[in-house]
Amino acid sequence: MDTEFFGLSLTREELAEVQAALVQRAMLEDELRREKGLEPVADRPLLRRIDAILRPSDARLDHLTQALDDELWEFAWYAFTEEWAWFRARQEIRKELGSRASKLEEEEMRRRVEQRFNKYFEKFVKELEMADAPLPKTNKQRRTA
């Protein structure tokens, strides 16, 4: 078996960026594996080699993983809200058209949904707001009040 080797020169900042990308990929991969009931990946040799070169402190690694976790959550929320707004726009168009919706060309349906999506995106996203609201009183709380 022939193994090809390549040389690559990077600045410390560039190597740190590669490290961050590999850490983020590892976090995502481990989370997906956990969701599927699998064990996390035990060893990541390339990441281990980069860590050996950069020798990051525990504090820097903690800061990096927290920042990357925040980015992943932000991206997940963005993706979810986009999907929700598209779903709601399509739902409204189908409701308006009723039985005529099935007769509409897919391209025309997509165009109408996209227009509704763009026009009412903020409205649809507001449906998802998770503001803290007072919890309803339980029976025990009602009796003591």
C-alpha atoms as a PDB file:
ATOM      1  CA  MET A   1       0.000   0.000   0.000  1.00  0.00           C
ATOM      2  CA  ASP A   2       1.390   3.377  -1.008  1.00  0.00           C
ATOM      3  CA  THR A   3       0.907   6.173   1.444  1.00  0.00           C
ATOM      4  CA  GLU A   4       1.193   9.708   0.158  1.00  0.00           C
ATOM      5  CA  PHE A   5       2.656  12.372   2.397  1.00  0.00           C
ATOM      6  CA  PHE A   6       2.201  16.103   2.016  1.00  0.00           C
ATOM      7  CA  GLY A   7       3.934  19.022   3.642  1.00  0.00           C
ATOM      8  CA  LEU A   8       1.935  22.021   4.721  1.00  0.00           C
ATOM      9  CA  SER A   9       3.090  25.233   6.343  1.00  0.00           C
ATOM     10  CA  LEU A  10       0.567  27.047   8.505  1.00  0.00           C
ATOM     11  CA  THR A  11       0.718  29.949  10.904  1.00  0.00           C
ATOM     12  CA  ARG A  12      -0.277  29.285  14.504  1.00  0.00           C
ATOM     13  CA  GLU A  13      -3.596  31.074  13.848  1.00  0.00           C
ATOM     14  CA  GLU A  14      -4.296  28.950  10.774  1.00  0.00           C
ATOM     15  CA  LEU A  15      -3.505  25.763  12.672  1.00  0.00           C
ATOM     16  CA  ALA A  16      -5.762  26.934  15.519  1.00  0.00           C
ATOM     17  CA  GLU A  17      -8.542  27.411  12.947  1.00  0.00           C
ATOM     18  CA  VAL A  18      -8.026  23.851  11.698  1.00  0.00           C
ATOM     19  CA  GLN A  19      -8.074  22.668  15.303  1.00  0.00           C
ATOM     20  CA  ALA A  20     -11.355  24.506  15.960  1.00  0.00           C
ATOM     21  CA  ALA A  21     -12.913  22.969  12.843  1.00  0.00           C
ATOM     22  CA  LEU A  22     -11.844  19.479  13.915  1.00  0.00           C
ATOM     23  CA  VAL A  23     -13.115  20.022  17.479  1.00  0.00           C
ATOM     24  CA  GLN A  24     -16.464  21.256  16.154  1.00  0.00           C
ATOM     25  CA  ARG A  25     -16.704  18.266  13.821  1.00  0.00           C
ATOM     26  CA  ALA A  26     -15.880  15.936  16.730  1.00  0.00           C
ATOM     27  CA  MET A  27     -18.550  17.563  18.915  1.00  0.00           C
ATOM     28  CA  LEU A  28     -21.161  17.209  16.197  1.00  0.00           C
ATOM     29  CA  GLU A  29     -20.159  13.655  15.365  1.00  0.00           C
ATOM     30  CA  ASP A  30     -20.213  12.593  19.023  1.00  0.00           C
ATOM     31  CA  GLU A  31     -23.637  14.184  19.538  1.00  0.00           C
ATOM     32  CA  LEU A  32     -25.053  12.421  16.483  1.00  0.00           C
ATOM     33  CA  ARG A  33     -23.543   9.132  17.634  1.00  0.00           C
ATOM     34  CA  ARG A  34     -25.031   9.634  21.128  1.00  0.00           C
ATOM     35  CA  GLU A  35     -28.460  10.235  19.568  1.00  0.00           C
ATOM     36  CA  LYS A  36     -28.109   6.927  17.729  1.00  0.00           C
ATOM     37  CA  GLY A  37     -27.129   5.118  20.933  1.00  0.00           C
ATOM     38  CA  LEU A  38     -23.486   4.743  19.897  1.00  0.00           C
ATOM     39  CA  GLU A  39     -20.301   5.434  21.842  1.00  0.00           C
ATOM     40  CA  PRO A  40     -18.329   8.602  21.063  1.00  0.00           C
ATOM     41  CA  VAL A  41     -15.237   8.179  18.899  1.00  0.00           C
ATOM     42  CA  ALA A  42     -12.425   7.094  21.213  1.00  0.00           C
ATOM     43  CA  ASP A  43      -9.458   8.600  19.410  1.00  0.00           C
ATOM     44  CA  ARG A  44      -8.962  11.321  16.845  1.00  0.00           C
ATOM     45  CA  PRO A  45      -5.312  11.038  15.792  1.00  0.00           C
ATOM     46  CA  LEU A  46      -5.178  14.200  13.667  1.00  0.00           C
ATOM     47  CA  LEU A  47      -6.707  16.307  16.415  1.00  0.00           C
ATOM     48  CA  ARG A  48      -4.316  14.732  18.922  1.00  0.00           C
ATOM     49  CA  ARG A  49      -1.352  15.643  16.692  1.00  0.00           C
ATOM     50  CA  ILE A  50      -2.544  19.232  16.282  1.00  0.00           C
ATOM     51  CA  ASP A  51      -3.083  19.526  20.053  1.00  0.00           C
ATOM     52  CA  ALA A  52       0.484  18.287  20.575  1.00  0.00           C
ATOM     53  CA  ILE A  53       1.786  21.034  18.299  1.00  0.00           C
ATOM     54  CA  LEU A  54      -0.354  23.871  19.687  1.00  0.00           C
ATOM     55  CA  ARG A  55      -0.292  22.693  23.328  1.00  0.00           C
ATOM     56  CA  PRO A  56      -3.492  24.547  24.272  1.00  0.00           C
ATOM     57  CA  SER A  57      -4.204  25.185  27.942  1.00  0.00           C
ATOM     58  CA  ASP A  58      -7.229  23.591  29.558  1.00  0.00           C
ATOM     59  CA  ALA A  59      -8.762  27.055  29.893  1.00  0.00           C
ATOM     60  CA  ARG A  60      -8.315  27.709  26.158  1.00  0.00           C
ATOM     61  CA  LEU A  61      -9.839  24.332  25.287  1.00  0.00           C
ATOM     62  CA  ASP A  62     -12.786  25.003  27.605  1.00  0.00           C
ATOM     63  CA  HIS A  63     -13.293  28.439  26.022  1.00  0.00           C
ATOM     64  CA  LEU A  64     -12.994  26.937  22.520  1.00  0.00           C
ATOM     65  CA  THR A  65     -15.508  24.147  23.154  1.00  0.00           C
ATOM     66  CA  GLN A  66     -17.963  26.569  24.787  1.00  0.00           C
ATOM     67  CA  ALA A  67     -17.701  28.995  21.843  1.00  0.00           C
ATOM     68  CA  LEU A  68     -18.115  26.162  19.342  1.00  0.00           C
ATOM     69  CA  ASP A  69     -21.074  24.757  21.277  1.00  0.00           C
ATOM     70  CA  ASP A  70     -22.698  28.201  21.174  1.00  0.00           C
ATOM     71  CA  GLU A  71     -22.107  28.402  17.411  1.00  0.00           C
ATOM     72  CA  LEU A  72     -23.665  24.978  16.878  1.00  0.00           C
ATOM     73  CA  TRP A  73     -26.744  25.964  18.910  1.00  0.00           C
ATOM     74  CA  GLU A  74     -27.036  29.209  16.968  1.00  0.00           C
ATOM     75  CA  PHE A  75     -26.852  27.337  13.686  1.00  0.00           C
ATOM     76  CA  ALA A  76     -29.383  24.738  14.875  1.00  0.00           C
ATOM     77  CA  TRP A  77     -31.814  27.504  15.899  1.00  0.00           C
ATOM     78  CA  TYR A  78     -31.326  29.261  12.566  1.00  0.00           C
ATOM     79  CA  ALA A  79     -31.960  26.040  10.634  1.00  0.00           C
ATOM     80  CA  PHE A  80     -35.018  25.236  12.742  1.00  0.00           C
ATOM     81  CA  THR A  81     -36.573  28.683  12.345  1.00  0.00           C
ATOM     82  CA  GLU A  82     -35.972  28.611   8.591  1.00  0.00           C
ATOM     83  CA  GLU A  83     -37.693  25.223   8.328  1.00  0.00           C
ATOM     84  CA  TRP A  84     -40.545  26.342  10.580  1.00  0.00           C
ATOM     85  CA  ALA A  85     -41.170  29.516   8.583  1.00  0.00           C
ATOM     86  CA  TRP A  86     -41.133  27.545   5.301  1.00  0.00           C
ATOM     87  CA  PHE A  87     -43.521  24.954   6.754  1.00  0.00           C
ATOM     88  CA  ARG A  88     -45.909  27.663   7.994  1.00  0.00           C
ATOM     89  CA  ALA A  89     -45.827  29.524   4.673  1.00  0.00           C
ATOM     90  CA  ARG A  90     -46.621  26.299   2.805  1.00  0.00           C
ATOM     91  CA  GLN A  91     -49.347  25.467   5.318  1.00  0.00           C
ATOM     92  CA  GLU A  92     -51.026  28.842   4.819  1.00  0.00           C
ATOM     93  CA  ILE A  93     -50.857  28.619   1.025  1.00  0.00           C
ATOM     94  CA  ARG A  94     -52.369  25.117   1.093  1.00  0.00           C
ATOM     95  CA  LYS A  95     -55.134  26.292   3.410  1.00  0.00           C
ATOM     96  CA  GLU A  96     -55.939  29.244   1.159  1.00  0.00           C
ATOM     97  CA  LEU A  97     -56.001  27.115  -1.983  1.00  0.00           C
ATOM     98  CA  GLY A  98     -57.866  24.193  -0.452  1.00  0.00           C
ATOM     99  CA  SER A  99     -58.443  21.417  -2.990  1.00  0.00           C
ATOM    100  CA  ARG A 100     -56.838  23.525  -5.727  1.00  0.00           C
ATOM    101  CA  ALA A 101     -53.444  23.155  -3.992  1.00  0.00           C
ATOM    102  CA  SER A 102     -52.972  19.630  -5.373  1.00  0.00           C
ATOM    103  CA  LYS A 103     -53.551  20.881  -8.918  1.00  0.00           C
ATOM    104  CA  LEU A 104     -50.909  23.604  -8.647  1.00  0.00           C
ATOM    105  CA  GLU A 105     -47.580  23.004 -10.406  1.00  0.00           C
ATOM    106  CA  GLU A 106     -44.787  22.373  -7.925  1.00  0.00           C
ATOM    107  CA  GLU A 107     -42.800  25.332  -9.251  1.00  0.00           C
ATOM    108  CA  GLU A 108     -45.786  27.661  -8.797  1.00  0.00           C
ATOM    109  CA  MET A 109     -46.364  26.302  -5.289  1.00  0.00           C
ATOM    110  CA  ARG A 110     -42.699  26.880  -4.448  1.00  0.00           C
ATOM    111  CA  ARG A 111     -42.879  30.441  -5.784  1.00  0.00           C
ATOM    112  CA  ARG A 112     -45.983  31.254  -3.706  1.00  0.00           C
ATOM    113  CA  VAL A 113     -44.522  29.658  -0.589  1.00  0.00           C
ATOM    114  CA  GLU A 114     -41.298  31.598  -1.044  1.00  0.00           C
ATOM    115  CA  GLN A 115     -43.206  34.882  -1.354  1.00  0.00           C
ATOM    116  CA  ARG A 116     -45.188  34.127   1.822  1.00  0.00           C
ATOM    117  CA  PHE A 117     -42.017  32.971   3.567  1.00  0.00           C
ATOM    118  CA  ASN A 118     -40.214  36.229   2.757  1.00  0.00           C
ATOM    119  CA  LYS A 119     -43.171  38.427   3.622  1.00  0.00           C
ATOM    120  CA  TYR A 120     -44.095  36.803   6.961  1.00  0.00           C
ATOM    121  CA  PHE A 121     -40.809  35.277   8.125  1.00  0.00           C
ATOM    122  CA  GLU A 122     -40.663  37.369  11.315  1.00  0.00           C
ATOM    123  CA  LYS A 123     -44.300  36.583  12.134  1.00  0.00           C
ATOM    124  CA  PHE A 124     -43.688  32.853  11.778  1.00  0.00           C
ATOM    125  CA  VAL A 125     -40.540  32.960  13.903  1.00  0.00           C
ATOM    126  CA  LYS A 126     -42.399  34.860  16.642  1.00  0.00           C
ATOM    127  CA  GLU A 127     -44.670  31.817  16.937  1.00  0.00           C
ATOM    128  CA  LEU A 128     -41.630  29.997  18.279  1.00  0.00           C
ATOM    129  CA  GLU A 129     -40.725  32.476  21.005  1.00  0.00           C
ATOM    130  CA  MET A 130     -40.096  30.627  24.208  1.00  0.00           C
ATOM    131  CA  ALA A 131     -40.704  33.497  26.616  1.00  0.00           C
ATOM    132  CA  ASP A 132     -41.024  32.632  30.263  1.00  0.00           C
ATOM    133  CA  ALA A 133     -44.692  32.600  31.099  1.00  0.00           C
ATOM    134  CA  PRO A 134     -46.122  31.967  34.552  1.00  0.00           C
ATOM    135  CA  LEU A 135     -46.922  28.332  35.082  1.00  0.00           C
ATOM    136  CA  PRO A 136     -50.542  27.456  35.829  1.00  0.00           C
ATOM    137  CA  LYS A 137     -51.257  26.871  39.490  1.00  0.00           C
ATOM    138  CA  THR A 138     -51.439  23.267  40.589  1.00  0.00           C
ATOM    139  CA  ASN A 139     -54.429  22.011  42.623  1.00  0.00           C
ATOM    140  CA  LYS A 140     -52.315  22.094  45.790  1.00  0.00           C
ATOM    141  CA  GLN A 141     -51.340  25.733  45.170  1.00  0.00           C
ATOM    142  CA  ARG A 142     -54.978  26.675  44.551  1.00  0.00           C
ATOM    143  CA  ARG A 143     -56.109  25.145  47.851  1.00  0.00           C
ATOM    144  CA  THR A 144     -53.487  27.004  49.883  1.00  0.00           C
ATOM    145  CA  ALA A 145     -54.029  30.372  48.170  1.00  0.00           C
END
